[in-house]
Protein backbone atom coordinates (compact mmCIF):
# COMPACT_ATOMS: atom_id res chain seq x y z
CA MET A 1 0.00 0.00 0.00
CA ASP A 2 1.35 3.35 -1.08
CA ILE A 3 1.45 6.34 1.34
CA SER A 4 -0.75 8.33 -1.06
CA THR A 5 -3.41 5.61 -0.94
CA LEU A 6 -3.29 5.61 2.84
CA ARG A 7 -3.65 9.40 2.94
CA SER A 8 -6.62 9.22 0.58
CA ILE A 9 -8.32 6.60 2.75
CA VAL A 10 -7.76 8.66 5.90
CA THR A 11 -9.14 11.76 4.15
CA VAL A 12 -12.29 9.94 3.01
CA VAL A 13 -12.86 8.38 6.44
CA SER A 14 -12.38 11.77 8.12
CA PHE A 15 -14.87 13.41 5.73
CA ILE A 16 -17.45 10.68 6.34
CA THR A 17 -16.99 11.10 10.09
CA PHE A 18 -17.44 14.87 9.77
CA VAL A 19 -20.63 14.47 7.74
CA ALA A 20 -21.99 11.97 10.28
CA ILE A 21 -21.33 14.36 13.18
CA VAL A 22 -22.99 17.25 11.33
CA ALA A 23 -26.01 15.07 10.52
CA TRP A 24 -26.25 14.00 14.18
CA ALA A 25 -25.97 17.59 15.44
CA TRP A 26 -28.67 18.88 13.07
CA SER A 27 -30.99 15.93 13.71
CA SER A 28 -34.43 17.08 14.85
CA ARG A 29 -34.69 14.33 17.47
CA ASN A 30 -31.70 15.85 19.33
CA ALA A 31 -33.12 19.38 19.29
CA ALA A 32 -34.91 19.11 22.64
CA SER A 33 -31.82 17.93 24.51
CA PHE A 34 -29.65 20.59 22.83
CA ASP A 35 -32.15 23.32 23.74
CA GLU A 36 -32.15 22.13 27.34
CA ALA A 37 -28.33 22.05 27.43
CA ALA A 38 -28.19 25.56 25.96
CA GLN A 39 -30.21 26.88 28.91
CA LEU A 40 -28.01 25.31 31.62
CA PRO A 41 -25.75 28.38 32.09
CA PHE A 42 -28.83 30.50 32.83
CA LYS A 43 -30.48 28.04 35.20
CA GLN A 44 -30.77 29.20 38.80
CA ASP A 45 -31.18 26.69 41.60
């Protein structure tokens, strides 16, 4: 296996991981938990 092939594979895997994280973050089923987490700094006990 050539170093260029290995670099290409790592680049593709990194891009797929990035797209998966973006899709997870923008998923509508996570919106409620993200909204709740966003309000934690303002919460007063």
